[in-house]
Amino acid sequence: MNTLTKTDLEDLTFLLEDIVKRLPKLKLAEKVDVAARLRGAAKAIKAIDDDVKKIIKEKRDGVEGYVNGELWRAKLSMVPVTRFQQAVFKEADPKTYDKYCKSENEPRITFEVR
């Protein structure tokens, strides 16, 4: 790993961990600003994470095992998951589906510059 990238990642990790430690002491207005400012970083981190995971899955071609980095290694495990097929159930038995569906308002928070 390039020295600058390694140093930048170490600095970024340190800064984020420090913000998490200080968060309980911040005023609400400061917490709102911190959360808003970190949205972009969170999206960038997720994009990196998603891309690397996709590449690892392709590299392992569905076979469990490791992919080595320079300092870390990634492990691909195949974990059984059961998912409810909501669309299939809705089509097969719409009355029962409707009987157990519940609509409610969910709080959603967005941030915008004042």
PDB file of N, CA and C in Angstrom:
ATOM      1  N   MET A   1       0.860  -1.182   0.000  1.00  0.00           N
ATOM      2  CA  MET A   1       0.000   0.000   0.000  1.00  0.00           C
ATOM      3  C   MET A   1       0.894   1.229   0.000  1.00  0.00           C
ATOM      4  N   ASN A   2       0.572   2.151  -0.810  1.00  0.00           N
ATOM      5  CA  ASN A   2       1.282   3.420  -0.914  1.00  0.00           C
ATOM      6  C   ASN A   2       1.319   4.092   0.469  1.00  0.00           C
ATOM      7  N   THR A   3       2.470   4.638   0.846  1.00  0.00           N
ATOM      8  CA  THR A   3       2.657   5.227   2.177  1.00  0.00           C
ATOM      9  C   THR A   3       1.665   6.346   2.463  1.00  0.00           C
ATOM     10  N   LEU A   4       1.404   7.207   1.473  1.00  0.00           N
ATOM     11  CA  LEU A   4       0.450   8.300   1.691  1.00  0.00           C
ATOM     12  C   LEU A   4      -0.956   7.767   1.938  1.00  0.00           C
ATOM     13  N   THR A   5      -1.358   6.754   1.184  1.00  0.00           N
ATOM     14  CA  THR A   5      -2.688   6.168   1.372  1.00  0.00           C
ATOM     15  C   THR A   5      -2.788   5.548   2.758  1.00  0.00           C
ATOM     16  N   LYS A   6      -1.761   4.814   3.156  1.00  0.00           N
ATOM     17  CA  LYS A   6      -1.752   4.187   4.482  1.00  0.00           C
ATOM     18  C   LYS A   6      -1.861   5.244   5.577  1.00  0.00           C
ATOM     19  N   THR A   7      -1.072   6.303   5.469  1.00  0.00           N
ATOM     20  CA  THR A   7      -1.101   7.384   6.460  1.00  0.00           C
ATOM     21  C   THR A   7      -2.455   8.078   6.473  1.00  0.00           C
ATOM     22  N   ASP A   8      -3.007   8.351   5.285  1.00  0.00           N
ATOM     23  CA  ASP A   8      -4.323   9.000   5.198  1.00  0.00           C
ATOM     24  C   ASP A   8      -5.401   8.151   5.855  1.00  0.00           C
ATOM     25  N   LEU A   9      -5.371   6.847   5.615  1.00  0.00           N
ATOM     26  CA  LEU A   9      -6.375   5.954   6.211  1.00  0.00           C
ATOM     27  C   LEU A   9      -6.226   5.888   7.732  1.00  0.00           C
ATOM     28  N   GLU A  10      -4.972   5.860   8.209  1.00  0.00           N
ATOM     29  CA  GLU A  10      -4.743   5.865   9.660  1.00  0.00           C
ATOM     30  C   GLU A  10      -5.254   7.161  10.275  1.00  0.00           C
ATOM     31  N   ASP A  11      -4.980   8.293   9.618  1.00  0.00           N
ATOM     32  CA  ASP A  11      -5.447   9.591  10.111  1.00  0.00           C
ATOM     33  C   ASP A  11      -6.971   9.658  10.111  1.00  0.00           C
ATOM     34  N   LEU A  12      -7.578   9.203   9.033  1.00  0.00           N
ATOM     35  CA  LEU A  12      -9.036   9.214   8.930  1.00  0.00           C
ATOM     36  C   LEU A  12      -9.667   8.381  10.042  1.00  0.00           C
ATOM     37  N   THR A  13      -9.137   7.192  10.268  1.00  0.00           N
ATOM     38  CA  THR A  13      -9.656   6.328  11.326  1.00  0.00           C
ATOM     39  C   THR A  13      -9.519   7.008  12.686  1.00  0.00           C
ATOM     40  N   PHE A  14      -8.355   7.589  12.951  1.00  0.00           N
ATOM     41  CA  PHE A  14      -8.133   8.286  14.221  1.00  0.00           C
ATOM     42  C   PHE A  14      -9.131   9.430  14.393  1.00  0.00           C
ATOM     43  N   LEU A  15      -9.314  10.228  13.340  1.00  0.00           N
ATOM     44  CA  LEU A  15     -10.235  11.379  13.418  1.00  0.00           C
ATOM     45  C   LEU A  15     -11.674  10.931  13.681  1.00  0.00           C
ATOM     46  N   LEU A  16     -12.123   9.912  12.968  1.00  0.00           N
ATOM     47  CA  LEU A  16     -13.497   9.439  13.172  1.00  0.00           C
ATOM     48  C   LEU A  16     -13.699   8.858  14.571  1.00  0.00           C
ATOM     49  N   GLU A  17     -12.722   8.095  15.042  1.00  0.00           N
ATOM     50  CA  GLU A  17     -12.824   7.545  16.397  1.00  0.00           C
ATOM     51  C   GLU A  17     -12.837   8.664  17.436  1.00  0.00           C
ATOM     52  N   ASP A  18     -12.064   9.713  17.200  1.00  0.00           N
ATOM     53  CA  ASP A  18     -12.031  10.853  18.113  1.00  0.00           C
ATOM     54  C   ASP A  18     -13.378  11.586  18.130  1.00  0.00           C
ATOM     55  N   ILE A  19     -13.987  11.755  16.962  1.00  0.00           N
ATOM     56  CA  ILE A  19     -15.306  12.409  16.897  1.00  0.00           C
ATOM     57  C   ILE A  19     -16.333  11.581  17.665  1.00  0.00           C
ATOM     58  N   VAL A  20     -16.284  10.268  17.516  1.00  0.00           N
ATOM     59  CA  VAL A  20     -17.219   9.387  18.242  1.00  0.00           C
ATOM     60  C   VAL A  20     -17.041   9.554  19.754  1.00  0.00           C
ATOM     61  N   LYS A  21     -15.804   9.659  20.211  1.00  0.00           N
ATOM     62  CA  LYS A  21     -15.548   9.835  21.650  1.00  0.00           C
ATOM     63  C   LYS A  21     -16.090  11.172  22.158  1.00  0.00           C
ATOM     64  N   ARG A  22     -15.962  12.222  21.334  1.00  0.00           N
ATOM     65  CA  ARG A  22     -16.393  13.557  21.757  1.00  0.00           C
ATOM     66  C   ARG A  22     -17.889  13.794  21.586  1.00  0.00           C
ATOM     67  N   LEU A  23     -18.551  12.969  20.822  1.00  0.00           N
ATOM     68  CA  LEU A  23     -19.960  13.168  20.492  1.00  0.00           C
ATOM     69  C   LEU A  23     -20.869  13.360  21.712  1.00  0.00           C
ATOM     70  N   PRO A  24     -20.734  12.566  22.769  1.00  0.00           N
ATOM     71  CA  PRO A  24     -21.634  12.758  23.924  1.00  0.00           C
ATOM     72  C   PRO A  24     -21.540  14.150  24.564  1.00  0.00           C
ATOM     73  N   LYS A  25     -20.409  14.806  24.414  1.00  0.00           N
ATOM     74  CA  LYS A  25     -20.214  16.115  25.040  1.00  0.00           C
ATOM     75  C   LYS A  25     -20.659  17.279  24.154  1.00  0.00           C
ATOM     76  N   LEU A  26     -20.982  17.006  22.913  1.00  0.00           N
ATOM     77  CA  LEU A  26     -21.365  18.076  21.995  1.00  0.00           C
ATOM     78  C   LEU A  26     -22.803  18.517  22.229  1.00  0.00           C
ATOM     79  N   LYS A  27     -23.060  19.782  21.916  1.00  0.00           N
ATOM     80  CA  LYS A  27     -24.433  20.304  21.954  1.00  0.00           C
ATOM     81  C   LYS A  27     -25.202  19.716  20.778  1.00  0.00           C
ATOM     82  N   LEU A  28     -26.530  19.722  20.879  1.00  0.00           N
ATOM     83  CA  LEU A  28     -27.361  19.163  19.818  1.00  0.00           C
ATOM     84  C   LEU A  28     -27.063  19.809  18.467  1.00  0.00           C
ATOM     85  N   ALA A  29     -26.934  21.136  18.440  1.00  0.00           N
ATOM     86  CA  ALA A  29     -26.661  21.836  17.182  1.00  0.00           C
ATOM     87  C   ALA A  29     -25.340  21.357  16.567  1.00  0.00           C
ATOM     88  N   GLU A  30     -24.341  21.112  17.404  1.00  0.00           N
ATOM     89  CA  GLU A  30     -23.058  20.609  16.911  1.00  0.00           C
ATOM     90  C   GLU A  30     -23.207  19.185  16.377  1.00  0.00           C
ATOM     91  N   LYS A  31     -23.991  18.362  17.066  1.00  0.00           N
ATOM     92  CA  LYS A  31     -24.219  16.989  16.618  1.00  0.00           C
ATOM     93  C   LYS A  31     -24.910  16.961  15.258  1.00  0.00           C
ATOM     94  N   VAL A  32     -25.882  17.864  15.074  1.00  0.00           N
ATOM     95  CA  VAL A  32     -26.573  17.947  13.777  1.00  0.00           C
ATOM     96  C   VAL A  32     -25.562  18.285  12.689  1.00  0.00           C
ATOM     97  N   ASP A  33     -24.700  19.256  12.944  1.00  0.00           N
ATOM     98  CA  ASP A  33     -23.700  19.653  11.958  1.00  0.00           C
ATOM     99  C   ASP A  33     -22.715  18.520  11.662  1.00  0.00           C
ATOM    100  N   VAL A  34     -22.288  17.807  12.697  1.00  0.00           N
ATOM    101  CA  VAL A  34     -21.372  16.680  12.504  1.00  0.00           C
ATOM    102  C   VAL A  34     -22.042  15.615  11.638  1.00  0.00           C
ATOM    103  N   ALA A  35     -23.273  15.259  11.965  1.00  0.00           N
ATOM    104  CA  ALA A  35     -23.991  14.231  11.196  1.00  0.00           C
ATOM    105  C   ALA A  35     -24.158  14.644   9.736  1.00  0.00           C
ATOM    106  N   ALA A  36     -24.504  15.906   9.526  1.00  0.00           N
ATOM    107  CA  ALA A  36     -24.701  16.396   8.156  1.00  0.00           C
ATOM    108  C   ALA A  36     -23.390  16.348   7.372  1.00  0.00           C
ATOM    109  N   ARG A  37     -22.302  16.770   7.996  1.00  0.00           N
ATOM    110  CA  ARG A  37     -21.010  16.801   7.313  1.00  0.00           C
ATOM    111  C   ARG A  37     -20.490  15.405   7.006  1.00  0.00           C
ATOM    112  N   LEU A  38     -20.844  14.434   7.831  1.00  0.00           N
ATOM    113  CA  LEU A  38     -20.340  13.077   7.633  1.00  0.00           C
ATOM    114  C   LEU A  38     -21.132  12.276   6.612  1.00  0.00           C
ATOM    115  N   ARG A  39     -22.276  12.803   6.155  1.00  0.00           N
ATOM    116  CA  ARG A  39     -23.080  12.071   5.167  1.00  0.00           C
ATOM    117  C   ARG A  39     -22.268  11.758   3.912  1.00  0.00           C
ATOM    118  N   GLY A  40     -21.527  12.732   3.426  1.00  0.00           N
ATOM    119  CA  GLY A  40     -20.709  12.515   2.236  1.00  0.00           C
ATOM    120  C   GLY A  40     -19.634  11.469   2.462  1.00  0.00           C
ATOM    121  N   ALA A  41     -18.993  11.528   3.625  1.00  0.00           N
ATOM    122  CA  ALA A  41     -17.964  10.537   3.954  1.00  0.00           C
ATOM    123  C   ALA A  41     -18.569   9.142   4.053  1.00  0.00           C
ATOM    124  N   ALA A  42     -19.753   9.051   4.650  1.00  0.00           N
ATOM    125  CA  ALA A  42     -20.418   7.756   4.782  1.00  0.00           C
ATOM    126  C   ALA A  42     -20.732   7.172   3.406  1.00  0.00           C
ATOM    127  N   LYS A  43     -21.177   8.006   2.478  1.00  0.00           N
ATOM    128  CA  LYS A  43     -21.473   7.537   1.115  1.00  0.00           C
ATOM    129  C   LYS A  43     -20.198   7.073   0.414  1.00  0.00           C
ATOM    130  N   ALA A  44     -19.117   7.817   0.603  1.00  0.00           N
ATOM    131  CA  ALA A  44     -17.845   7.435  -0.023  1.00  0.00           C
ATOM    132  C   ALA A  44     -17.327   6.127   0.560  1.00  0.00           C
ATOM    133  N   ILE A  45     -17.402   5.974   1.870  1.00  0.00           N
ATOM    134  CA  ILE A  45     -16.961   4.743   2.528  1.00  0.00           C
ATOM    135  C   ILE A  45     -17.792   3.563   2.050  1.00  0.00           C
ATOM    136  N   LYS A  46     -19.109   3.744   1.946  1.00  0.00           N
ATOM    137  CA  LYS A  46     -19.979   2.667   1.468  1.00  0.00           C
ATOM    138  C   LYS A  46     -19.638   2.297   0.028  1.00  0.00           C
ATOM    139  N   ALA A  47     -19.362   3.286  -0.815  1.00  0.00           N
ATOM    140  CA  ALA A  47     -19.013   3.014  -2.217  1.00  0.00           C
ATOM    141  C   ALA A  47     -17.726   2.192  -2.302  1.00  0.00           C
ATOM    142  N   ILE A  48     -16.728   2.551  -1.496  1.00  0.00           N
ATOM    143  CA  ILE A  48     -15.468   1.800  -1.468  1.00  0.00           C
ATOM    144  C   ILE A  48     -15.721   0.379  -0.988  1.00  0.00           C
ATOM    145  N   ASP A  49     -16.463   0.239   0.108  1.00  0.00           N
ATOM    146  CA  ASP A  49     -16.759  -1.060   0.694  1.00  0.00           C
ATOM    147  C   ASP A  49     -17.509  -1.949  -0.294  1.00  0.00           C
ATOM    148  N   ASP A  50     -18.536  -1.407  -0.932  1.00  0.00           N
ATOM    149  CA  ASP A  50     -19.328  -2.167  -1.899  1.00  0.00           C
ATOM    150  C   ASP A  50     -18.463  -2.629  -3.083  1.00  0.00           C
ATOM    151  N   ASP A  51     -17.615  -1.735  -3.589  1.00  0.00           N
ATOM    152  CA  ASP A  51     -16.767  -2.055  -4.733  1.00  0.00           C
ATOM    153  C   ASP A  51     -15.784  -3.163  -4.391  1.00  0.00           C
ATOM    154  N   VAL A  52     -15.126  -3.053  -3.245  1.00  0.00           N
ATOM    155  CA  VAL A  52     -14.132  -4.053  -2.855  1.00  0.00           C
ATOM    156  C   VAL A  52     -14.819  -5.407  -2.604  1.00  0.00           C
ATOM    157  N   LYS A  53     -15.982  -5.400  -1.953  1.00  0.00           N
ATOM    158  CA  LYS A  53     -16.698  -6.659  -1.719  1.00  0.00           C
ATOM    159  C   LYS A  53     -17.105  -7.316  -3.030  1.00  0.00           C
ATOM    160  N   LYS A  54     -17.525  -6.519  -4.000  1.00  0.00           N
ATOM    161  CA  LYS A  54     -17.904  -7.050  -5.317  1.00  0.00           C
ATOM    162  C   LYS A  54     -16.702  -7.719  -5.982  1.00  0.00           C
ATOM    163  N   ILE A  55     -15.560  -7.068  -5.921  1.00  0.00           N
ATOM    164  CA  ILE A  55     -14.344  -7.617  -6.524  1.00  0.00           C
ATOM    165  C   ILE A  55     -13.923  -8.909  -5.824  1.00  0.00           C
ATOM    166  N   ILE A  56     -14.017  -8.931  -4.498  1.00  0.00           N
ATOM    167  CA  ILE A  56     -13.658 -10.136  -3.740  1.00  0.00           C
ATOM    168  C   ILE A  56     -14.576 -11.296  -4.119  1.00  0.00           C
ATOM    169  N   LYS A  57     -15.886 -11.030  -4.213  1.00  0.00           N
ATOM    170  CA  LYS A  57     -16.833 -12.082  -4.605  1.00  0.00           C
ATOM    171  C   LYS A  57     -16.503 -12.613  -5.995  1.00  0.00           C
ATOM    172  N   GLU A  58     -16.155 -11.715  -6.933  1.00  0.00           N
ATOM    173  CA  GLU A  58     -15.791 -12.131  -8.283  1.00  0.00           C
ATOM    174  C   GLU A  58     -14.488 -12.949  -8.269  1.00  0.00           C
ATOM    175  N   LYS A  59     -13.539 -12.495  -7.492  1.00  0.00           N
ATOM    176  CA  LYS A  59     -12.236 -13.182  -7.414  1.00  0.00           C
ATOM    177  C   LYS A  59     -12.395 -14.594  -6.860  1.00  0.00           C
ATOM    178  N   ARG A  60     -13.232 -14.765  -5.843  1.00  0.00           N
ATOM    179  CA  ARG A  60     -13.428 -16.083  -5.224  1.00  0.00           C
ATOM    180  C   ARG A  60     -14.412 -16.938  -6.022  1.00  0.00           C
ATOM    181  N   ASP A  61     -15.173 -16.341  -6.918  1.00  0.00           N
ATOM    182  CA  ASP A  61     -16.106 -17.049  -7.791  1.00  0.00           C
ATOM    183  C   ASP A  61     -17.029 -18.001  -7.015  1.00  0.00           C
ATOM    184  N   GLY A  62     -17.573 -17.491  -5.887  1.00  0.00           N
ATOM    185  CA  GLY A  62     -18.533 -18.264  -5.112  1.00  0.00           C
ATOM    186  C   GLY A  62     -17.934 -19.327  -4.217  1.00  0.00           C
ATOM    187  N   VAL A  63     -16.607 -19.367  -4.116  1.00  0.00           N
ATOM    188  CA  VAL A  63     -15.933 -20.354  -3.279  1.00  0.00           C
ATOM    189  C   VAL A  63     -15.404 -19.651  -2.031  1.00  0.00           C
ATOM    190  N   GLU A  64     -15.692 -20.250  -0.862  1.00  0.00           N
ATOM    191  CA  GLU A  64     -15.202 -19.654   0.382  1.00  0.00           C
ATOM    192  C   GLU A  64     -13.683 -19.582   0.377  1.00  0.00           C
ATOM    193  N   GLY A  65     -13.159 -18.574   1.058  1.00  0.00           N
ATOM    194  CA  GLY A  65     -11.713 -18.459   1.164  1.00  0.00           C
ATOM    195  C   GLY A  65     -11.292 -17.018   1.384  1.00  0.00           C
ATOM    196  N   TYR A  66      -9.996 -16.792   1.266  1.00  0.00           N
ATOM    197  CA  TYR A  66      -9.398 -15.500   1.583  1.00  0.00           C
ATOM    198  C   TYR A  66      -8.875 -14.791   0.343  1.00  0.00           C
ATOM    199  N   VAL A  67      -8.874 -13.462   0.431  1.00  0.00           N
ATOM    200  CA  VAL A  67      -8.194 -12.614  -0.532  1.00  0.00           C
ATOM    201  C   VAL A  67      -7.296 -11.702   0.305  1.00  0.00           C
ATOM    202  N   ASN A  68      -6.011 -11.747   0.022  1.00  0.00           N
ATOM    203  CA  ASN A  68      -5.053 -11.006   0.839  1.00  0.00           C
ATOM    204  C   ASN A  68      -4.868  -9.573   0.369  1.00  0.00           C
ATOM    205  N   GLY A  69      -4.812  -8.685   1.351  1.00  0.00           N
ATOM    206  CA  GLY A  69      -4.346  -7.330   1.122  1.00  0.00           C
ATOM    207  C   GLY A  69      -2.899  -7.295   1.575  1.00  0.00           C
ATOM    208  N   GLU A  70      -2.334  -6.109   1.690  1.00  0.00           N
ATOM    209  CA  GLU A  70      -0.966  -6.016   2.186  1.00  0.00           C
ATOM    210  C   GLU A  70      -0.919  -6.139   3.701  1.00  0.00           C
ATOM    211  N   LEU A  71      -1.928  -5.583   4.390  1.00  0.00           N
ATOM    212  CA  LEU A  71      -1.956  -5.616   5.848  1.00  0.00           C
ATOM    213  C   LEU A  71      -3.113  -6.450   6.398  1.00  0.00           C
ATOM    214  N   TRP A  72      -4.171  -6.560   5.650  1.00  0.00           N
ATOM    215  CA  TRP A  72      -5.376  -7.255   6.073  1.00  0.00           C
ATOM    216  C   TRP A  72      -5.688  -8.348   5.069  1.00  0.00           C
ATOM    217  N   ARG A  73      -6.602  -9.224   5.439  1.00  0.00           N
ATOM    218  CA  ARG A  73      -7.111 -10.185   4.482  1.00  0.00           C
ATOM    219  C   ARG A  73      -8.623 -10.215   4.606  1.00  0.00           C
ATOM    220  N   ALA A  74      -9.274 -10.459   3.504  1.00  0.00           N
ATOM    221  CA  ALA A  74     -10.733 -10.538   3.464  1.00  0.00           C
ATOM    222  C   ALA A  74     -11.117 -12.008   3.380  1.00  0.00           C
ATOM    223  N   LYS A  75     -12.137 -12.378   4.123  1.00  0.00           N
ATOM    224  CA  LYS A  75     -12.611 -13.760   4.101  1.00  0.00           C
ATOM    225  C   LYS A  75     -14.015 -13.796   3.518  1.00  0.00           C
ATOM    226  N   LEU A  76     -14.203 -14.610   2.489  1.00  0.00           N
ATOM    227  CA  LEU A  76     -15.527 -14.818   1.929  1.00  0.00           C
ATOM    228  C   LEU A  76     -16.085 -16.094   2.542  1.00  0.00           C
ATOM    229  N   SER A  77     -17.217 -15.963   3.210  1.00  0.00           N
ATOM    230  CA  SER A  77     -17.922 -17.102   3.790  1.00  0.00           C
ATOM    231  C   SER A  77     -19.286 -17.191   3.137  1.00  0.00           C
ATOM    232  N   MET A  78     -19.748 -18.384   2.923  1.00  0.00           N
ATOM    233  CA  MET A  78     -21.079 -18.598   2.376  1.00  0.00           C
ATOM    234  C   MET A  78     -21.997 -18.907   3.563  1.00  0.00           C
ATOM    235  N   VAL A  79     -22.926 -18.003   3.845  1.00  0.00           N
ATOM    236  CA  VAL A  79     -23.802 -18.106   5.002  1.00  0.00           C
ATOM    237  C   VAL A  79     -25.227 -18.341   4.509  1.00  0.00           C
ATOM    238  N   PRO A  80     -25.869 -19.434   4.962  1.00  0.00           N
ATOM    239  CA  PRO A  80     -27.249 -19.669   4.523  1.00  0.00           C
ATOM    240  C   PRO A  80     -28.186 -18.588   5.061  1.00  0.00           C
ATOM    241  N   VAL A  81     -29.027 -18.071   4.181  1.00  0.00           N
ATOM    242  CA  VAL A  81     -29.966 -17.012   4.547  1.00  0.00           C
ATOM    243  C   VAL A  81     -31.337 -17.380   3.991  1.00  0.00           C
ATOM    244  N   THR A  82     -32.348 -17.211   4.814  1.00  0.00           N
ATOM    245  CA  THR A  82     -33.714 -17.422   4.349  1.00  0.00           C
ATOM    246  C   THR A  82     -34.397 -16.071   4.273  1.00  0.00           C
ATOM    247  N   ARG A  83     -34.969 -15.757   3.123  1.00  0.00           N
ATOM    248  CA  ARG A  83     -35.656 -14.484   2.943  1.00  0.00           C
ATOM    249  C   ARG A  83     -37.101 -14.741   2.557  1.00  0.00           C
ATOM    250  N   PHE A  84     -37.973 -13.951   3.105  1.00  0.00           N
ATOM    251  CA  PHE A  84     -39.387 -14.048   2.770  1.00  0.00           C
ATOM    252  C   PHE A  84     -39.616 -13.393   1.421  1.00  0.00           C
ATOM    253  N   GLN A  85     -40.220 -14.105   0.499  1.00  0.00           N
ATOM    254  CA  GLN A  85     -40.460 -13.589  -0.839  1.00  0.00           C
ATOM    255  C   GLN A  85     -41.805 -12.872  -0.856  1.00  0.00           C
ATOM    256  N   GLN A  86     -41.751 -11.634  -0.455  1.00  0.00           N
ATOM    257  CA  GLN A  86     -42.947 -10.816  -0.274  1.00  0.00           C
ATOM    258  C   GLN A  86     -43.759 -10.665  -1.564  1.00  0.00           C
ATOM    259  N   ALA A  87     -43.100 -10.409  -2.670  1.00  0.00           N
ATOM    260  CA  ALA A  87     -43.819 -10.208  -3.935  1.00  0.00           C
ATOM    261  C   ALA A  87     -44.530 -11.489  -4.372  1.00  0.00           C
ATOM    262  N   VAL A  88     -43.880 -12.630  -4.200  1.00  0.00           N
ATOM    263  CA  VAL A  88     -44.488 -13.912  -4.576  1.00  0.00           C
ATOM    264  C   VAL A  88     -45.702 -14.189  -3.692  1.00  0.00           C
ATOM    265  N   PHE A  89     -45.550 -13.925  -2.385  1.00  0.00           N
ATOM    266  CA  PHE A  89     -46.661 -14.138  -1.452  1.00  0.00           C
ATOM    267  C   PHE A  89     -47.842 -13.220  -1.779  1.00  0.00           C
ATOM    268  N   LYS A  90     -47.539 -11.973  -2.082  1.00  0.00           N
ATOM    269  CA  LYS A  90     -48.590 -11.007  -2.416  1.00  0.00           C
ATOM    270  C   LYS A  90     -49.381 -11.473  -3.637  1.00  0.00           C
ATOM    271  N   GLU A  91     -48.679 -11.999  -4.624  1.00  0.00           N
ATOM    272  CA  GLU A  91     -49.344 -12.477  -5.839  1.00  0.00           C
ATOM    273  C   GLU A  91     -50.132 -13.768  -5.579  1.00  0.00           C
ATOM    274  N   ALA A  92     -49.584 -14.649  -4.743  1.00  0.00           N
ATOM    275  CA  ALA A  92     -50.226 -15.937  -4.485  1.00  0.00           C
ATOM    276  C   ALA A  92     -51.448 -15.821  -3.579  1.00  0.00           C
ATOM    277  N   ASP A  93     -51.384 -14.903  -2.602  1.00  0.00           N
ATOM    278  CA  ASP A  93     -52.489 -14.790  -1.634  1.00  0.00           C
ATOM    279  C   ASP A  93     -52.675 -13.325  -1.233  1.00  0.00           C
ATOM    280  N   PRO A  94     -53.223 -12.500  -2.133  1.00  0.00           N
ATOM    281  CA  PRO A  94     -53.323 -11.061  -1.871  1.00  0.00           C
ATOM    282  C   PRO A  94     -54.165 -10.707  -0.650  1.00  0.00           C
ATOM    283  N   LYS A  95     -55.228 -11.477  -0.354  1.00  0.00           N
ATOM    284  CA  LYS A  95     -56.065 -11.160   0.817  1.00  0.00           C
ATOM    285  C   LYS A  95     -55.285 -11.320   2.114  1.00  0.00           C
ATOM    286  N   THR A  96     -54.559 -12.413   2.243  1.00  0.00           N
ATOM    287  CA  THR A  96     -53.760 -12.625   3.457  1.00  0.00           C
ATOM    288  C   THR A  96     -52.645 -11.591   3.532  1.00  0.00           C
ATOM    289  N   TYR A  97     -52.046 -11.304   2.406  1.00  0.00           N
ATOM    290  CA  TYR A  97     -50.993 -10.289   2.363  1.00  0.00           C
ATOM    291  C   TYR A  97     -51.524  -8.954   2.873  1.00  0.00           C
ATOM    292  N   ASP A  98     -52.667  -8.526   2.334  1.00  0.00           N
ATOM    293  CA  ASP A  98     -53.270  -7.257   2.754  1.00  0.00           C
ATOM    294  C   ASP A  98     -53.650  -7.270   4.226  1.00  0.00           C
ATOM    295  N   LYS A  99     -54.108  -8.413   4.715  1.00  0.00           N
ATOM    296  CA  LYS A  99     -54.525  -8.540   6.120  1.00  0.00           C
ATOM    297  C   LYS A  99     -53.351  -8.245   7.064  1.00  0.00           C
ATOM    298  N   TYR A 100     -52.157  -8.645   6.682  1.00  0.00           N
ATOM    299  CA  TYR A 100     -50.997  -8.501   7.567  1.00  0.00           C
ATOM    300  C   TYR A 100     -50.087  -7.320   7.217  1.00  0.00           C
ATOM    301  N   CYS A 101     -50.463  -6.558   6.220  1.00  0.00           N
ATOM    302  CA  CYS A 101     -49.687  -5.359   5.890  1.00  0.00           C
ATOM    303  C   CYS A 101     -50.155  -4.195   6.750  1.00  0.00           C
ATOM    304  N   LYS A 102     -49.206  -3.424   7.182  1.00  0.00           N
ATOM    305  CA  LYS A 102     -49.518  -2.277   8.033  1.00  0.00           C
ATOM    306  C   LYS A 102     -48.741  -1.068   7.502  1.00  0.00           C
ATOM    307  N   SER A 103     -49.461  -0.003   7.259  1.00  0.00           N
ATOM    308  CA  SER A 103     -48.813   1.230   6.819  1.00  0.00           C
ATOM    309  C   SER A 103     -48.641   2.159   8.010  1.00  0.00           C
ATOM    310  N   GLU A 104     -47.499   2.744   8.098  1.00  0.00           N
ATOM    311  CA  GLU A 104     -47.250   3.712   9.163  1.00  0.00           C
ATOM    312  C   GLU A 104     -46.215   4.708   8.681  1.00  0.00           C
ATOM    313  N   ASN A 105     -46.175   5.844   9.323  1.00  0.00           N
ATOM    314  CA  ASN A 105     -45.187   6.862   8.989  1.00  0.00           C
ATOM    315  C   ASN A 105     -43.875   6.517   9.675  1.00  0.00           C
ATOM    316  N   GLU A 106     -42.816   6.594   8.924  1.00  0.00           N
ATOM    317  CA  GLU A 106     -41.498   6.315   9.459  1.00  0.00           C
ATOM    318  C   GLU A 106     -40.711   7.619   9.475  1.00  0.00           C
ATOM    319  N   PRO A 107     -40.111   7.966  10.597  1.00  0.00           N
ATOM    320  CA  PRO A 107     -39.337   9.208  10.640  1.00  0.00           C
ATOM    321  C   PRO A 107     -38.125   9.120   9.706  1.00  0.00           C
ATOM    322  N   ARG A 108     -37.923  10.134   8.911  1.00  0.00           N
ATOM    323  CA  ARG A 108     -36.783  10.183   8.005  1.00  0.00           C
ATOM    324  C   ARG A 108     -36.138  11.553   8.161  1.00  0.00           C
ATOM    325  N   ILE A 109     -34.847  11.553   8.350  1.00  0.00           N
ATOM    326  CA  ILE A 109     -34.131  12.817   8.571  1.00  0.00           C
ATOM    327  C   ILE A 109     -33.209  13.078   7.386  1.00  0.00           C
ATOM    328  N   THR A 110     -33.287  14.278   6.861  1.00  0.00           N
ATOM    329  CA  THR A 110     -32.371  14.723   5.814  1.00  0.00           C
ATOM    330  C   THR A 110     -31.706  15.998   6.315  1.00  0.00           C
ATOM    331  N   PHE A 111     -30.587  16.336   5.722  1.00  0.00           N
ATOM    332  CA  PHE A 111     -29.849  17.530   6.129  1.00  0.00           C
ATOM    333  C   PHE A 111     -29.747  18.482   4.953  1.00  0.00           C
ATOM    334  N   GLU A 112     -29.858  19.774   5.239  1.00  0.00           N
ATOM    335  CA  GLU A 112     -29.678  20.790   4.210  1.00  0.00           C
ATOM    336  C   GLU A 112     -28.982  21.997   4.836  1.00  0.00           C
ATOM    337  N   VAL A 113     -28.245  22.695   4.011  1.00  0.00           N
ATOM    338  CA  VAL A 113     -27.502  23.873   4.479  1.00  0.00           C
ATOM    339  C   VAL A 113     -28.512  24.968   4.844  1.00  0.00           C
ATOM    340  N   ARG A 114     -28.259  25.638   5.962  1.00  0.00           N
ATOM    341  CA  ARG A 114     -29.154  26.719   6.401  1.00  0.00           C
ATOM    342  C   ARG A 114     -28.922  27.961   5.598  1.00  0.00           C
TER     343      ARG A 114
END
